[in-house]
Every structure is written in C-alpha cells, then in structure tokens.
C-alpha cells in the first residue's frame, strides 16, 4: 500500500538529530517555557521575517488566542463578524465561535479552492472586524484587492497558515502578509512536530505581548494574572523537534512542488480536474494535492483496491455539520460541490519516483 503520508519514513530521515534533541531536553530538566522554545521562536521569526513568533499548544489555539487578544485590545467584541471561507477545516470556524464572534461563510474560488476575494466586499457589514484567509492545501490566498478592501473598511487580516508554511507571495512568506497568523505543527503538516504544537506570528508588539501572556494563564509574572487566559504553551521537546526539522523545510517543500508538477503534467484522465498550478515553483507548498471528480467515491475505492491510500479533505462542509446547526440552511453550492468531489492524492518529500508514476498510471487507467 502506498500510504497517503508516511510519517515514520519522514521522521526517520532526521532520527539521529531528533533523538539528540530529545536527549538534550530530557537531560536539561527544563520542559516548559525554556531555551528550546525561545530558540525555535527566534528561528521561526527569522524564517517568516516577522518581529514576533509565539509558540502555543496547537493551531486551533493560535487562532483562538489571536481573536481573544483582539477582543482584549478593544478591536473586537462579542457578536462582531469575521469573514471566512466556507470550505475550510472546522478549526478555523471553532476559533471564531469560541470567542463568541460570528463567522460569515463566503464561497471559495472553484479554481483555487481559496476564499473568493471578489465576494468579500459584498459580505462586509457594520459588525465586520476581520477577514480570516486560509491558505488552503498550501496555496497562497492573497492579492492587492484583499489588501485594499481591508484598508478601506479598517479590517484586520488574519492568516490561517496551518497548511502553508514556506509559501510565498510577492517575495514575502505567508505568516507575514496579514496583521497576524496562526500556524499548526500537527505531525502531518509540512513542518510537523512529533505531537501537537502551534504558533502565532505578527509584527504587532502589543498583540504579541498579550498573546504571550494569554497563552500562559493570562500571566506575564507568576501568580499575577492580567487576563482570563488559557494554558496553551509549546512544549520544550516539541520545540526542539521543530527546530531540527525547520532547517529542512524548504528542501521538503521543493520536493513537494516537483511531485505536484509531475502529477499535473502527467495525469490525463478526462473526468479528473487537476489543481490550478500557476506560480507552482514559488507560491504553493502543496500540503495537499487535491483533485476533483464527480466520481470521487468510486475513484477512491478503485485507488484503494490498487493499494493507493487517499483522503477526502473534507467530506462534510461546515454549514452541514451538526456542530453548526445554525448554518444548516445556508446555500453554498460551490462549497458543497468542492466537498462532494475533492480527493487528496499522496504527496510528501519521501515518495519515490516509481510510486508517483504508479499512481499516475493507475489514475489514467481508471474507467468509471
């Protein structure tokens, strides 16, 4: 079976360094809020080219804390609205509703699967305070129109950068484009921990100071609590692992681009829609390689029968989830089409050329 993502093989490349990093943390006797977290934060700041990177427990908390801090700063209040793509993973929406803010679900562009920026302005109301863009599947969601709209209406732009670390727009990395950004280091991400982890990046000094305190029970000084915070801290051992793997991120992303380009050039099935790959060599880091077909379920079974593991990202849209019954009656046909038709093929830096060629041949031979 060709695994969708072989995490064991990915981490085996760096096993010696990871084991050494783990041993150093264990021997140090310091396991939270220590030097390894500070070192990783500094290296992440340099990589993204931002003033501040704050390690947190996971990607959901990164977004939760950004919004929580904006509320503390008086920029938002309960009931305010955040424009967000309708076809994102549920964590993006959970961060909004957890802060008692209202997500305004906007359709994606059917060609990129990212937020359709041309629809943003018509969804702005007097309660809109932010646009949360999701660089879905590793593809940058950004343009000049988005920046103009945000400036015109005095809106914050928050990047959900969980899937796109290393992606570039106009010589700037995602995570440095907006006012703030949330990262996930879930093991399957392009930069994955060996457990959970996340980060916030920003150039806003006040925001960074508040988020750092809020992630530590709302405290800057032990037992002195300025905010109603969370316990959301990046562990020393995960920071050490991430610091090892950060050095190899660009090389891994380059390999993903090579595989994506090969897929795009050689998958020729007439009933399969390939992802858009403009600027494939610079802007897209291909966290996922997502194809689309009306015969998605049949194709998935066929591929599984031929020892190729695939995943649906994602089978049920937010507005059809039981968790969000209040949105169940919304009509979002583009989003629904995407969720009914997308299928993610294996893509990772450790795949062999023969595996990629086998996947392509198998797909091209598919008969509905």
Protein backbone atom coordinates (compact mmCIF):
# COMPACT_ATOMS: atom_id res chain seq x y z
CA UNK A 1 0.00 0.00 0.00
CA UNK A 2 1.29 3.46 -0.90
CA UNK A 3 0.49 5.40 2.26
CA UNK A 4 -1.18 8.78 1.99
CA UNK A 5 1.52 10.13 4.29
CA UNK A 6 4.33 8.02 5.72
CA UNK A 7 5.22 9.94 8.89
CA UNK A 8 7.56 7.23 10.11
CA UNK A 9 9.61 7.49 6.94
CA UNK A 10 9.57 11.29 7.01
CA UNK A 11 10.88 11.48 10.57
CA UNK A 12 13.35 8.63 10.06
CA UNK A 13 15.37 10.98 7.83
CA UNK A 14 16.15 13.10 10.89
CA UNK A 15 16.09 10.39 13.55
CA UNK A 16 19.63 10.95 14.81
CA UNK A 17 19.10 14.69 15.25
CA UNK A 18 15.64 14.23 16.77
CA UNK A 19 16.91 11.71 19.30
CA UNK A 20 19.80 14.00 20.21
CA UNK A 21 17.38 16.92 20.64
CA UNK A 22 15.13 14.80 22.86
CA UNK A 23 18.08 13.68 24.98
CA UNK A 24 19.21 17.27 25.47
CA UNK A 25 15.76 18.33 26.65
CA UNK A 26 15.44 15.35 28.99
CA UNK A 27 18.89 15.97 30.46
CA UNK A 28 18.22 19.69 30.88
CA UNK A 29 15.49 19.12 33.46
CA UNK A 30 13.54 22.04 31.95
CA UNK A 31 10.41 21.07 30.00
CA UNK A 32 8.27 24.19 29.58
CA UNK A 33 9.00 27.82 28.64
CA UNK A 34 12.71 27.28 28.34
CA UNK A 35 15.56 27.86 25.94
CA UNK A 36 14.41 25.41 23.28
CA UNK A 37 11.10 27.22 22.83
CA UNK A 38 12.86 30.60 22.72
CA UNK A 39 15.37 29.30 20.16
CA UNK A 40 12.66 27.87 17.92
CA UNK A 41 10.61 31.07 18.18
CA UNK A 42 13.66 33.11 17.16
CA UNK A 43 14.38 30.83 14.21
CA UNK A 44 10.74 30.93 13.13
CA UNK A 45 10.78 34.73 13.33
CA UNK A 46 13.83 34.79 11.06
CA UNK A 47 12.31 32.30 8.64
CA UNK A 48 8.95 34.07 8.30
CA UNK A 49 10.62 37.51 8.65
CA UNK A 50 8.39 38.87 11.40
CA UNK A 51 9.06 40.57 14.73
CA UNK A 52 7.28 38.01 16.86
CA UNK A 53 6.63 34.27 16.90
CA UNK A 54 4.90 32.82 19.96
CA UNK A 55 4.82 29.06 20.42
CA UNK A 56 1.43 27.69 21.55
CA UNK A 57 -0.15 24.29 22.08
CA UNK A 58 -1.77 23.79 18.66
CA UNK A 59 -3.08 25.52 15.56
CA UNK A 60 -6.61 25.99 16.87
CA UNK A 61 -5.29 27.76 19.95
CA UNK A 62 -3.13 30.00 17.76
CA UNK A 63 -6.25 31.36 16.05
CA UNK A 64 -8.28 31.42 19.28
CA UNK A 65 -5.61 33.47 21.00
CA UNK A 66 -5.33 35.98 18.16
CA UNK A 67 -9.05 36.72 18.33
CA UNK A 68 -9.07 36.67 22.13
CA UNK A 69 -6.27 39.24 22.15
CA UNK A 70 -8.04 41.49 19.65
CA UNK A 71 -11.08 41.43 21.95
CA UNK A 72 -8.86 42.34 24.90
CA UNK A 73 -7.44 45.23 22.86
CA UNK A 74 -10.94 46.57 22.16
CA UNK A 75 -10.67 45.90 18.42
CA UNK A 76 -13.46 43.30 18.56
CA UNK A 77 -16.32 42.47 20.88
CA UNK A 78 -18.84 39.68 21.26
CA UNK A 79 -21.15 39.47 18.22
CA UNK A 80 -18.71 41.03 15.77
CA UNK A 81 -18.25 39.32 12.43
CA UNK A 82 -15.27 37.62 10.81
CA UNK A 83 -15.36 36.83 7.09
CA UNK A 84 -14.01 33.33 6.47
CA UNK A 85 -14.03 30.78 3.63
CA UNK A 86 -16.90 28.30 3.86
CA UNK A 87 -14.82 25.30 2.76
CA UNK A 88 -12.14 25.38 5.44
CA UNK A 89 -11.41 22.84 8.17
CA UNK A 90 -13.62 23.23 11.23
CA UNK A 91 -10.78 24.56 13.43
CA UNK A 92 -10.88 27.90 11.60
CA UNK A 93 -14.55 28.33 12.50
CA UNK A 94 -14.19 26.97 16.04
CA UNK A 95 -11.65 29.71 16.80
CA UNK A 96 -14.22 32.33 15.82
CA UNK A 97 -17.26 30.93 17.59
CA UNK A 98 -15.26 30.05 20.71
CA UNK A 99 -14.71 33.80 21.11
CA UNK A 100 -18.43 34.46 20.62
CA UNK A 101 -17.78 36.10 17.29
CA UNK A 102 -19.84 35.36 14.20
CA UNK A 103 -18.29 33.62 11.17
CA UNK A 104 -19.57 34.91 7.84
CA UNK A 105 -19.14 31.98 5.45
CA UNK A 106 -18.06 33.01 1.96
CA UNK A 107 -17.76 30.76 -1.08
CA UNK A 108 -14.35 29.71 -2.44
CA UNK A 109 -12.93 30.27 -5.89
CA UNK A 110 -13.61 26.98 -7.68
CA UNK A 111 -10.21 27.14 -9.40
CA UNK A 112 -8.04 27.62 -6.30
CA UNK A 113 -10.39 26.43 -3.51
CA UNK A 114 -9.31 29.52 -1.56
CA UNK A 115 -11.61 32.31 -0.43
CA UNK A 116 -13.15 34.08 -3.44
CA UNK A 117 -11.84 37.56 -2.73
CA UNK A 118 -14.24 39.07 -5.28
CA UNK A 119 -17.10 38.14 -2.89
CA UNK A 120 -15.59 39.65 0.25
CA UNK A 121 -16.77 43.25 -0.02
CA UNK A 122 -20.44 42.36 -0.50
CA UNK A 123 -20.31 40.37 2.76
CA UNK A 124 -18.97 43.25 4.86
CA UNK A 125 -21.39 44.77 7.38
CA UNK A 126 -21.16 47.34 10.17
CA UNK A 127 -20.15 44.48 12.52
CA UNK A 128 -17.31 43.12 10.36
CA UNK A 129 -13.95 43.37 12.09
CA UNK A 130 -11.69 40.94 10.28
CA UNK A 131 -11.09 38.74 7.26
CA UNK A 132 -9.62 35.35 8.09
CA UNK A 133 -7.93 33.97 4.99
CA UNK A 134 -6.98 30.30 4.81
CA UNK A 135 -4.05 29.32 2.61
CA UNK A 136 -5.83 26.08 1.87
CA UNK A 137 -3.87 22.99 0.80
CA UNK A 138 -0.69 25.16 0.84
CA UNK A 139 -1.85 27.62 -1.84
CA UNK A 140 -1.48 31.33 -1.00
CA UNK A 141 -4.75 33.25 -0.66
CA UNK A 142 -3.74 36.86 -1.19
CA UNK A 143 -3.88 39.76 -3.66
CA UNK A 144 -3.90 43.54 -3.83
CA UNK A 145 -7.70 43.67 -3.85
CA UNK A 146 -7.81 41.95 -0.46
CA UNK A 147 -5.39 44.49 0.99
CA UNK A 148 -7.36 47.39 -0.48
CA UNK A 149 -10.64 46.12 0.96
CA UNK A 150 -9.12 45.60 4.42
CA UNK A 151 -7.68 49.11 4.42
CA UNK A 152 -10.91 50.69 3.12
CA UNK A 153 -13.02 49.15 5.91
CA UNK A 154 -10.32 49.15 8.61
CA UNK A 155 -10.36 45.36 8.93
CA UNK A 156 -7.73 43.06 10.37
CA UNK A 157 -6.46 40.29 8.10
CA UNK A 158 -5.74 37.08 9.99
CA UNK A 159 -3.94 34.28 8.16
CA UNK A 160 -4.80 30.67 8.91
CA UNK A 161 -1.39 29.41 7.85
CA UNK A 162 -1.81 25.87 9.19
CA UNK A 163 -1.24 24.31 5.76
CA UNK A 164 1.12 26.73 4.02
CA UNK A 165 4.32 27.30 5.97
CA UNK A 166 7.02 28.28 3.49
CA UNK A 167 4.63 29.55 0.82
CA UNK A 168 5.49 32.89 -0.80
CA UNK A 169 3.55 35.79 -2.28
CA UNK A 170 5.46 38.65 -3.88
CA UNK A 171 8.69 37.66 -2.09
CA UNK A 172 7.01 37.53 1.33
CA UNK A 173 6.20 34.35 3.21
CA UNK A 174 2.72 33.52 4.39
CA UNK A 175 2.54 34.32 8.05
CA UNK A 176 3.95 37.79 7.38
CA UNK A 177 1.33 39.04 4.92
CA UNK A 178 -1.52 39.94 7.29
CA UNK A 179 -1.83 41.52 10.71
CA UNK A 180 -1.38 38.16 12.43
CA UNK A 181 -1.19 34.48 11.56
CA UNK A 182 -1.81 31.12 13.17
CA UNK A 183 0.33 28.04 12.46
CA UNK A 184 -0.25 24.36 13.16
CA UNK A 185 2.57 21.88 13.68
CA UNK A 186 0.33 18.81 13.76
CA UNK A 187 2.51 15.83 12.72
CA UNK A 188 1.08 15.66 9.19
CA UNK A 189 1.84 19.31 8.35
CA UNK A 190 4.75 20.33 6.10
CA UNK A 191 6.55 21.30 9.31
CA UNK A 192 5.22 18.72 11.74
CA UNK A 193 6.02 18.04 15.36
CA UNK A 194 6.00 14.58 16.93
CA UNK A 195 2.88 15.58 18.79
CA UNK A 196 0.83 18.77 18.80
CA UNK A 197 2.09 22.32 18.50
CA UNK A 198 1.31 25.70 17.02
CA UNK A 199 2.46 29.30 16.80
CA UNK A 200 1.30 32.85 16.25
CA UNK A 201 3.29 35.33 14.16
CA UNK A 202 2.81 39.09 13.99
CA UNK A 203 4.61 42.42 13.72
CA UNK A 204 2.22 43.97 16.27
CA UNK A 205 4.11 44.40 19.55
CA UNK A 206 1.01 44.83 21.70
CA UNK A 207 -0.75 41.84 20.18
CA UNK A 208 2.32 39.65 20.71
CA UNK A 209 2.67 40.72 24.34
CA UNK A 210 -0.97 39.95 25.12
CA UNK A 211 -0.94 36.58 23.30
CA UNK A 212 2.21 35.51 25.12
CA UNK A 213 0.57 36.29 28.45
CA UNK A 214 -2.79 34.81 27.50
CA UNK A 215 -1.21 31.53 26.44
CA UNK A 216 0.22 31.27 29.97
CA UNK A 217 -2.98 31.59 32.02
CA UNK A 218 -3.10 35.33 31.27
CA UNK A 219 0.09 35.88 33.22
CA UNK A 220 3.32 37.73 32.49
CA UNK A 221 4.56 37.24 36.04
CA UNK A 222 3.96 34.06 38.01
CA UNK A 223 0.75 34.21 40.06
CA UNK A 224 -0.07 37.67 38.69
CA UNK A 225 -2.88 37.27 36.15
CA UNK A 226 -3.73 40.23 33.94
CA UNK A 227 -6.11 38.42 31.58
CA UNK A 228 -8.51 35.48 31.59
CA UNK A 229 -6.11 33.32 29.65
CA UNK A 230 -5.53 29.75 28.55
CA UNK A 231 -2.97 27.06 29.20
CA UNK A 232 -1.58 26.86 25.66
CA UNK A 233 2.18 26.51 25.62
CA UNK A 234 4.52 24.79 23.17
CA UNK A 235 6.49 22.06 24.96
CA UNK A 236 10.28 22.25 25.05
CA UNK A 237 10.64 18.83 23.45
CA UNK A 238 8.31 19.67 20.53
CA UNK A 239 10.10 22.98 20.02
CA UNK A 240 13.39 21.08 19.86
CA UNK A 241 11.99 18.67 17.27
CA UNK A 242 10.55 21.52 15.19
CA UNK A 243 13.84 23.38 15.27
CA UNK A 244 15.57 20.33 13.80
CA UNK A 245 13.00 19.99 11.02
CA UNK A 246 12.76 23.71 10.20
CA UNK A 247 16.23 23.51 8.63
CA UNK A 248 14.92 21.05 6.05
CA UNK A 249 11.55 22.65 5.34
CA UNK A 250 12.45 24.45 2.11
CA UNK A 251 14.01 21.30 0.65
CA UNK A 252 10.93 19.25 1.57
CA UNK A 253 8.63 21.87 0.04
CA UNK A 254 10.73 21.86 -3.14
CA UNK A 255 10.26 18.10 -3.45
CA UNK A 256 6.50 18.54 -2.98
CA UNK A 257 6.50 21.07 -5.84
CA UNK A 258 8.37 18.65 -8.08
CA UNK A 259 5.82 15.91 -7.38
CA UNK A 260 2.88 18.28 -7.89
CA UNK A 261 4.24 19.47 -11.22
CA UNK A 262 4.78 15.88 -12.34
CA UNK A 263 1.22 14.98 -11.35
CA UNK A 264 -0.16 18.00 -13.20
CA UNK A 265 1.78 17.24 -16.36
CA UNK A 266 1.01 13.54 -16.49
CA UNK A 267 -2.43 12.86 -15.05
CA UNK A 268 -4.58 12.96 -18.18
CA UNK A 269 -7.88 11.42 -17.20
CA UNK A 270 -10.69 13.40 -18.90
CA UNK A 271 -13.02 13.21 -15.89
CA UNK A 272 -10.48 14.43 -13.33
CA UNK A 273 -9.93 18.13 -12.65
CA UNK A 274 -6.39 18.92 -11.55
CA UNK A 275 -5.48 21.74 -9.17
CA UNK A 276 -4.56 25.13 -10.54
CA UNK A 277 -0.78 25.42 -10.59
CA UNK A 278 0.05 28.98 -11.59
CA UNK A 279 3.27 30.02 -9.85
CA UNK A 280 3.78 26.39 -8.92
CA UNK A 281 7.52 26.92 -8.47
CA UNK A 282 7.28 29.72 -5.92
CA UNK A 283 3.99 30.29 -4.15
CA UNK A 284 2.43 26.89 -3.46
CA UNK A 285 3.88 24.42 -0.94
CA UNK A 286 1.44 21.58 -1.73
CA UNK A 287 0.48 20.48 1.74
CA UNK A 288 -2.17 18.55 -0.17
CA UNK A 289 -2.55 17.60 -3.83
CA UNK A 290 -6.29 17.74 -4.39
CA UNK A 291 -8.07 16.51 -7.50
CA UNK A 292 -11.77 16.83 -8.22
CA UNK A 293 -14.20 14.47 -9.92
CA UNK A 294 -17.95 13.75 -9.73
CA UNK A 295 -16.99 10.07 -9.31
CA UNK A 296 -14.91 10.74 -6.20
CA UNK A 297 -16.17 7.84 -4.06
CA UNK A 298 -15.79 5.30 -6.87
CA UNK A 299 -12.32 6.61 -7.69
CA UNK A 300 -11.25 6.39 -4.06
CA UNK A 301 -12.37 2.77 -3.84
CA UNK A 302 -10.60 1.96 -7.11
CA UNK A 303 -7.36 3.51 -5.87
CA UNK A 304 -7.61 1.72 -2.53
CA UNK A 305 -8.18 -1.58 -4.36
CA UNK A 306 -4.96 -0.79 -6.22
CA UNK A 307 -3.04 -0.14 -2.99
CA UNK A 308 -3.11 3.67 -3.11
CA UNK A 309 -4.34 5.38 0.04
CA UNK A 310 -6.24 8.67 -0.41
CA UNK A 311 -8.15 11.02 1.92
CA UNK A 312 -11.10 13.39 1.49
CA UNK A 313 -10.33 16.94 2.66
CA UNK A 314 -13.11 17.39 3.69
CA UNK A 315 -16.25 15.25 3.19
CA UNK A 316 -18.73 17.44 5.12
CA UNK A 317 -18.72 21.25 4.87
CA UNK A 318 -19.03 23.41 7.99
CA UNK A 319 -22.57 24.53 7.21
CA UNK A 320 -23.74 20.91 7.05
CA UNK A 321 -22.10 19.82 10.32
CA UNK A 322 -24.27 19.01 13.33
CA UNK A 323 -22.00 21.22 15.43
CA UNK A 324 -23.21 24.24 13.44
CA UNK A 325 -26.93 23.60 13.12
CA UNK A 326 -27.46 27.35 12.87
CA UNK A 327 -25.82 27.28 9.43
CA UNK A 328 -27.52 24.13 8.13
CA UNK A 329 -29.99 26.03 5.96
CA UNK A 330 -27.38 28.15 4.21
CA UNK A 331 -26.98 27.60 0.48
CA UNK A 332 -23.33 27.44 -0.54
CA UNK A 333 -23.32 25.47 -3.81
CA UNK A 334 -19.66 25.98 -4.70
CA UNK A 335 -18.57 24.82 -1.27
CA UNK A 336 -20.89 21.81 -1.44
CA UNK A 337 -19.55 20.88 -4.88
CA UNK A 338 -15.98 21.05 -3.61
CA UNK A 339 -16.70 18.88 -0.57
CA UNK A 340 -18.56 16.31 -2.68
CA UNK A 341 -15.86 15.98 -5.35
CA UNK A 342 -12.37 16.51 -3.89
CA UNK A 343 -9.87 13.74 -3.23
CA UNK A 344 -6.32 14.14 -1.94
CA UNK A 345 -3.57 12.03 -3.51
CA UNK A 346 -0.39 11.01 -1.69
CA UNK A 347 2.27 13.73 -1.71
CA UNK A 348 5.32 14.01 0.52
CA UNK A 349 9.05 14.53 0.32
CA UNK A 350 9.81 10.82 0.85
CA UNK A 351 7.78 9.43 -2.05
CA UNK A 352 9.77 7.62 -4.72
CA UNK A 353 9.52 8.33 -8.43
CA UNK A 354 8.21 4.82 -9.00
CA UNK A 355 5.38 5.37 -6.51
CA UNK A 356 4.40 8.62 -8.22
CA UNK A 357 4.48 7.01 -11.66
CA UNK A 358 2.37 4.08 -10.42
CA UNK A 359 -0.25 6.47 -9.01
CA UNK A 360 -0.41 8.39 -12.30
CA UNK A 361 -0.70 5.23 -14.42
CA UNK A 362 -3.39 3.82 -12.14
CA UNK A 363 -5.44 7.02 -12.31
CA UNK A 364 -5.11 7.32 -16.07
CA UNK A 365 -6.35 3.73 -16.41
CA UNK A 366 -9.45 4.39 -14.31
CA UNK A 367 -12.73 3.61 -16.06
CA UNK A 368 -15.91 4.91 -14.47
